[in-house]
Amino acid sequence: METTFLENDLVRVGVKSHGAELCSLVKKDSNWEYLWQADPEFWNRHSPILFPIVGRLPQNQFLHQGQTYSLPQHGFGRDNVFALVGQTENQLVYELKASEETLKVYPFRFTLRVVYTLQDQTLEVKWQVRHAGEGEMLFSIGAHPAFHVPITENGAFEDYYLEFSQPETLSRYLLEEGTGLLSGATEPVLDNMALLPLNYDHFEKDALVFKNFKSERVTLKCDQHPHFVQMDFAGFPFLGIWTKRRGAPFLCLEPWYGVAGSAGGPVELSEKEGMQSVGSGETFEAAYTITIG
């Protein structure tokens, strides 16, 4: 798996061709790695790109124009090799195109570009999804970066909290145990609050899945240490927050254009919540940023 690096005076970034996956985010003055290093004891990924679905489908299947197709959780983008099609001093551009193999499981002719741009201590991740076929293309796309918690070698997971850019009154949308599908139930999490202290108890029922939030930014921080991770995600309709299990020393911050399927049987892709659409020759574009300090 080839890794290509971007760096400036402040930050060094690594990206793998496999999945166009961000795999390193280092602040150079401290030489501290902010991104989870895929320790298989807990979780063997860094920051997979979720495409062309987010989450699971009922029975891992969907229907489209009278045909049944199968896709694994989070789709296939994270498990394909992307071509590096552009590189400058501060930018990397990766591309994945539809193939005969992808068309067997996802019947759309797409081009997915992932553009990483480094500016000072901020990394922008931009997605460009182009429909190269006829008619309408349906898809979801999402981010899944994992960050070390604690960020430094000192402290504990519970020393950290998330700070939303606005006070939020939010309920989580619960995932069905064993399937990872939305159960239809909710559970209150925040009541006109901007701070969410980290606690492994939050994740006993899988990820925190939020909709209808006002914030366009969330910051992972700790009052005992100056280090932080700030994520800006204006326009994203869904946000996931996840860690693998009790004791896992990382947290994923996941802005999504899409969400897991609902409990029940397979449905038409057009009826699945959170699907995006583009016409023939059109391009969907979205971006989020990660700032480390």
Protein backbone atom coordinates (compact mmCIF):
# COMPACT_ATOMS: atom_id res chain seq x y z
CA MET A 1 0.00 0.00 0.00
CA GLU A 2 1.67 3.17 -1.21
CA THR A 3 1.59 6.16 1.13
CA THR A 4 2.11 9.72 -0.11
CA PHE A 5 2.90 12.61 2.21
CA LEU A 6 2.06 16.30 2.35
CA GLU A 7 3.79 18.62 4.77
CA ASN A 8 4.45 22.21 5.67
CA ASP A 9 6.31 23.80 8.59
CA LEU A 10 3.56 22.78 11.03
CA VAL A 11 1.95 19.51 9.97
CA ARG A 12 2.78 16.30 8.12
CA VAL A 13 -0.03 14.29 6.48
CA GLY A 14 0.05 10.75 5.07
CA VAL A 15 -2.52 9.24 2.67
CA LYS A 16 -2.65 5.65 1.43
CA SER A 17 -3.63 4.75 -2.11
CA HIS A 18 -5.71 1.91 -0.65
CA GLY A 19 -9.06 3.58 -0.02
CA ALA A 20 -7.47 7.03 -0.48
CA GLU A 21 -7.35 6.74 3.31
CA LEU A 22 -5.84 9.41 5.53
CA CYS A 23 -3.36 7.46 7.68
CA SER A 24 -1.23 10.04 9.49
CA LEU A 25 -1.69 13.53 10.90
CA VAL A 26 1.36 14.73 12.82
CA LYS A 27 1.97 18.09 14.48
CA LYS A 28 5.64 18.60 13.78
CA ASP A 29 6.71 20.68 16.79
CA SER A 30 5.68 17.90 19.20
CA ASN A 31 5.98 15.00 16.70
CA TRP A 32 2.68 13.73 18.11
CA GLU A 33 0.46 11.58 15.91
CA TYR A 34 -3.17 12.69 16.19
CA LEU A 35 -4.68 10.01 13.94
CA TRP A 36 -5.43 6.52 15.25
CA GLN A 37 -2.81 4.10 13.95
CA ALA A 38 -5.09 1.15 13.12
CA ASP A 39 -4.04 -1.14 15.97
CA PRO A 40 -5.97 -4.35 15.15
CA GLU A 41 -6.48 -5.05 18.85
CA PHE A 42 -9.24 -2.43 18.67
CA TRP A 43 -9.86 -1.33 15.06
CA ASN A 44 -7.66 -1.82 12.01
CA ARG A 45 -8.54 1.34 10.10
CA HIS A 46 -7.54 5.01 10.28
CA SER A 47 -10.07 7.10 8.36
CA PRO A 48 -12.04 5.08 5.80
CA ILE A 49 -14.20 6.78 3.17
CA LEU A 50 -17.76 5.48 3.26
CA PHE A 51 -19.06 5.12 -0.32
CA PRO A 52 -21.51 4.48 -1.96
CA ILE A 53 -23.46 3.82 1.25
CA VAL A 54 -23.09 4.84 4.89
CA GLY A 55 -23.75 2.16 7.49
CA ARG A 56 -25.50 -1.14 6.88
CA LEU A 57 -28.34 -2.16 4.59
CA PRO A 58 -31.04 -4.62 5.65
CA GLN A 59 -29.61 -8.05 4.79
CA ASN A 60 -26.75 -6.10 3.13
CA GLN A 61 -29.03 -5.63 0.09
CA PHE A 62 -30.87 -2.92 -1.84
CA LEU A 63 -33.29 -2.89 -4.75
CA HIS A 64 -32.96 -0.85 -7.94
CA GLN A 65 -35.03 -1.12 -11.14
CA GLY A 66 -36.21 -4.61 -10.37
CA GLN A 67 -32.78 -5.96 -9.45
CA THR A 68 -31.35 -6.91 -6.05
CA TYR A 69 -27.79 -5.84 -5.26
CA SER A 70 -25.53 -6.61 -2.30
CA LEU A 71 -23.20 -4.17 -0.58
CA PRO A 72 -21.25 -4.61 2.66
CA GLN A 73 -21.37 -2.13 5.52
CA HIS A 74 -20.11 1.30 4.36
CA GLY A 75 -19.78 0.15 0.75
CA PHE A 76 -16.63 -0.63 -1.22
CA GLY A 77 -14.75 2.67 -1.53
CA ARG A 78 -12.61 2.01 1.53
CA ASP A 79 -11.40 -1.32 0.10
CA ASN A 80 -10.41 -0.22 -3.41
CA VAL A 81 -7.13 1.23 -4.63
CA PHE A 82 -7.43 4.83 -5.81
CA ALA A 83 -5.19 6.38 -8.46
CA LEU A 84 -3.15 9.43 -7.46
CA VAL A 85 -4.08 11.75 -10.33
CA GLY A 86 -2.81 15.08 -8.99
CA GLN A 87 -0.10 16.28 -6.62
CA THR A 88 1.20 19.70 -5.71
CA GLU A 89 3.13 21.06 -2.73
CA ASN A 90 0.00 21.25 -0.60
CA GLN A 91 -2.53 19.01 -2.34
CA LEU A 92 -3.18 15.36 -3.25
CA VAL A 93 -5.95 14.24 -5.61
CA TYR A 94 -7.11 10.60 -5.67
CA GLU A 95 -9.60 9.03 -8.05
CA LEU A 96 -11.72 5.89 -8.19
CA LYS A 97 -13.85 5.02 -11.23
CA ALA A 98 -16.61 2.51 -11.71
CA SER A 99 -15.42 -0.83 -13.03
CA GLU A 100 -16.99 -4.07 -14.17
CA GLU A 101 -16.59 -5.31 -10.59
CA THR A 102 -18.30 -2.31 -8.98
CA LEU A 103 -21.13 -2.41 -11.52
CA LYS A 104 -22.03 -5.92 -10.33
CA VAL A 105 -22.84 -4.57 -6.85
CA TYR A 106 -23.66 -0.91 -7.57
CA PRO A 107 -25.17 -0.20 -11.02
CA PHE A 108 -23.91 3.35 -11.55
CA ARG A 109 -20.96 4.69 -13.55
CA PHE A 110 -19.30 7.03 -11.07
CA THR A 111 -16.04 8.88 -10.69
CA LEU A 112 -15.10 9.65 -7.08
CA ARG A 113 -12.33 12.16 -6.47
CA VAL A 114 -10.90 12.81 -3.01
CA VAL A 115 -8.89 16.01 -2.68
CA TYR A 116 -6.65 16.59 0.36
CA THR A 117 -5.43 20.18 0.80
CA LEU A 118 -3.10 21.21 3.63
CA GLN A 119 -3.06 24.83 4.80
CA ASP A 120 -1.23 25.73 8.03
CA GLN A 121 -2.66 23.36 10.70
CA THR A 122 -5.82 22.57 8.74
CA LEU A 123 -6.45 19.68 6.36
CA GLU A 124 -9.42 20.00 3.99
CA VAL A 125 -10.94 16.77 2.69
CA LYS A 126 -13.12 17.35 -0.37
CA TRP A 127 -15.22 14.77 -2.21
CA GLN A 128 -16.32 15.12 -5.82
CA VAL A 129 -18.81 12.48 -6.99
CA ARG A 130 -19.51 12.61 -10.74
CA HIS A 131 -22.17 10.59 -12.54
CA ALA A 132 -20.78 9.39 -15.87
CA GLY A 133 -23.83 7.31 -16.84
CA GLU A 134 -27.41 7.97 -17.87
CA GLY A 135 -30.34 8.99 -15.69
CA GLU A 136 -30.04 9.61 -11.97
CA MET A 137 -27.30 8.24 -9.71
CA LEU A 138 -28.04 7.55 -6.04
CA PHE A 139 -25.33 7.37 -3.41
CA SER A 140 -24.23 8.26 0.09
CA ILE A 141 -20.78 9.30 1.26
CA GLY A 142 -19.31 9.82 4.69
CA ALA A 143 -16.15 10.35 6.73
CA HIS A 144 -14.86 8.08 9.50
CA PRO A 145 -11.58 9.53 10.89
CA ALA A 146 -10.38 8.19 14.23
CA PHE A 147 -8.30 10.28 16.63
CA HIS A 148 -6.16 9.24 19.56
CA VAL A 149 -7.89 9.81 22.91
CA PRO A 150 -6.03 10.78 24.96
CA ILE A 151 -4.27 12.81 22.30
CA THR A 152 -1.02 12.74 24.27
CA GLU A 153 0.39 9.91 26.37
CA ASN A 154 -0.99 11.54 29.51
CA GLY A 155 -4.58 11.46 30.70
CA ALA A 156 -7.58 9.24 30.10
CA PHE A 157 -10.47 8.96 27.66
CA GLU A 158 -12.83 10.41 30.25
CA ASP A 159 -10.69 13.55 30.60
CA TYR A 160 -11.86 14.68 27.17
CA TYR A 161 -15.09 16.19 25.90
CA LEU A 162 -16.67 17.35 22.69
CA GLU A 163 -17.59 21.01 22.32
CA PHE A 164 -20.27 21.77 19.75
CA SER A 165 -20.21 25.20 18.13
CA GLN A 166 -23.77 25.85 19.34
CA PRO A 167 -25.81 24.61 22.30
CA GLU A 168 -27.72 21.54 21.14
CA THR A 169 -30.82 19.66 22.21
CA LEU A 170 -30.25 16.28 20.62
CA SER A 171 -31.41 12.70 20.83
CA ARG A 172 -29.41 9.84 19.41
CA TYR A 173 -31.00 7.59 16.80
CA LEU A 174 -30.45 4.13 18.16
CA LEU A 175 -28.96 1.27 16.16
CA GLU A 176 -30.44 -2.19 16.52
CA GLU A 177 -28.11 -4.54 18.39
CA GLY A 178 -26.60 -7.15 16.14
CA THR A 179 -27.63 -5.56 12.84
CA GLY A 180 -26.37 -1.97 12.99
CA LEU A 181 -29.65 -0.78 11.46
CA LEU A 182 -31.67 2.15 12.74
CA SER A 183 -34.25 0.72 15.13
CA GLY A 184 -36.62 3.69 15.02
CA ALA A 185 -36.03 4.44 18.72
CA THR A 186 -34.29 7.52 20.10
CA GLU A 187 -32.65 8.46 23.38
CA PRO A 188 -31.93 11.99 24.68
CA VAL A 189 -28.27 12.99 24.92
CA LEU A 190 -28.01 16.80 25.10
CA ASP A 191 -30.47 19.33 26.54
CA ASN A 192 -29.50 22.84 25.40
CA MET A 193 -25.84 21.97 26.00
CA ALA A 194 -22.67 22.55 23.96
CA LEU A 195 -20.43 20.13 25.89
CA LEU A 196 -20.57 16.34 25.73
CA PRO A 197 -18.13 14.71 28.20
CA LEU A 198 -16.67 11.47 26.86
CA ASN A 199 -17.69 8.30 28.63
CA TYR A 200 -17.53 4.73 27.35
CA ASP A 201 -21.09 4.25 28.59
CA HIS A 202 -22.26 6.35 25.61
CA PHE A 203 -21.09 3.64 23.25
CA GLU A 204 -22.55 0.57 24.94
CA LYS A 205 -25.35 0.85 22.35
CA ASP A 206 -23.01 1.42 19.40
CA ALA A 207 -22.41 4.82 17.78
CA LEU A 208 -24.08 8.08 18.69
CA VAL A 209 -26.04 9.00 15.56
CA PHE A 210 -27.33 12.57 15.34
CA LYS A 211 -29.64 14.36 12.91
CA ASN A 212 -31.07 17.89 12.87
CA PHE A 213 -28.16 19.52 14.69
CA LYS A 214 -27.35 23.22 14.35
CA SER A 215 -23.60 23.08 14.86
CA GLU A 216 -21.17 23.21 11.96
CA ARG A 217 -18.14 22.45 14.14
CA VAL A 218 -17.17 20.09 16.93
CA THR A 219 -13.92 20.17 18.91
CA LEU A 220 -12.29 17.33 20.81
CA LYS A 221 -10.47 18.81 23.80
CA CYS A 222 -9.31 18.39 27.37
CA ASP A 223 -8.95 21.07 30.03
CA GLN A 224 -5.75 19.50 31.38
CA HIS A 225 -3.89 19.66 28.05
CA PRO A 226 -3.73 22.27 25.27
CA HIS A 227 -4.03 19.78 22.40
CA PHE A 228 -7.26 19.63 20.38
CA VAL A 229 -8.88 18.34 17.20
CA GLN A 230 -11.40 20.61 15.52
CA MET A 231 -13.68 19.39 12.76
CA ASP A 232 -15.78 21.72 10.59
CA PHE A 233 -18.59 20.13 8.57
CA ALA A 234 -21.04 22.79 7.38
CA GLY A 235 -23.94 21.36 5.40
CA PHE A 236 -23.67 17.74 6.53
CA PRO A 237 -27.07 16.33 7.57
CA PHE A 238 -25.81 13.49 9.82
CA LEU A 239 -23.07 13.08 12.41
CA GLY A 240 -21.76 9.88 13.93
CA ILE A 241 -19.55 9.60 17.01
CA TRP A 242 -18.06 6.20 17.79
CA THR A 243 -15.43 4.14 19.51
CA LYS A 244 -15.02 0.39 19.28
CA ARG A 245 -15.46 -0.75 22.88
CA ARG A 246 -14.64 0.11 26.47
CA GLY A 247 -10.93 0.87 26.76
CA ALA A 248 -10.41 1.69 23.09
CA PRO A 249 -8.07 4.73 23.04
CA PHE A 250 -9.64 6.54 20.09
CA LEU A 251 -12.75 8.42 19.01
CA CYS A 252 -14.25 8.72 15.53
CA LEU A 253 -15.90 11.96 14.42
CA GLU A 254 -17.99 11.17 11.35
CA PRO A 255 -19.88 13.73 9.27
CA TRP A 256 -22.11 11.92 6.76
CA TYR A 257 -24.23 12.51 3.70
CA GLY A 258 -26.16 9.34 4.43
CA VAL A 259 -27.06 7.08 7.34
CA ALA A 260 -27.61 3.40 8.13
CA GLY A 261 -30.69 1.66 6.79
CA SER A 262 -33.76 1.01 8.93
CA ALA A 263 -34.68 -2.33 10.44
CA GLY A 264 -36.73 -4.51 8.11
CA GLY A 265 -36.18 -5.90 4.65
CA PRO A 266 -34.30 -4.48 1.65
CA VAL A 267 -35.84 -1.36 0.09
CA GLU A 268 -35.51 0.57 -3.14
CA LEU A 269 -32.34 2.62 -3.00
CA SER A 270 -34.37 5.75 -3.76
CA GLU A 271 -36.40 5.15 -0.57
CA LYS A 272 -33.41 4.77 1.74
CA GLU A 273 -32.96 7.71 4.12
CA GLY A 274 -30.10 10.06 3.38
CA MET A 275 -29.45 9.13 -0.24
CA GLN A 276 -28.00 11.84 -2.47
CA SER A 277 -28.66 12.10 -6.20
CA VAL A 278 -26.92 13.57 -9.23
CA GLY A 279 -27.98 13.64 -12.86
CA SER A 280 -26.01 12.48 -15.83
CA GLY A 281 -22.79 14.47 -16.16
CA GLU A 282 -23.37 16.26 -12.85
CA THR A 283 -20.99 16.40 -9.87
CA PHE A 284 -21.82 16.42 -6.16
CA GLU A 285 -19.25 18.18 -4.00
CA ALA A 286 -18.80 18.33 -0.23
CA ALA A 287 -15.92 19.01 2.13
CA TYR A 288 -14.94 19.00 5.78
CA THR A 289 -11.80 20.17 7.56
CA ILE A 290 -9.64 18.88 10.40
CA THR A 291 -7.58 21.37 12.39
CA ILE A 292 -5.09 20.14 14.99
CA GLY A 293 -3.49 22.15 17.76
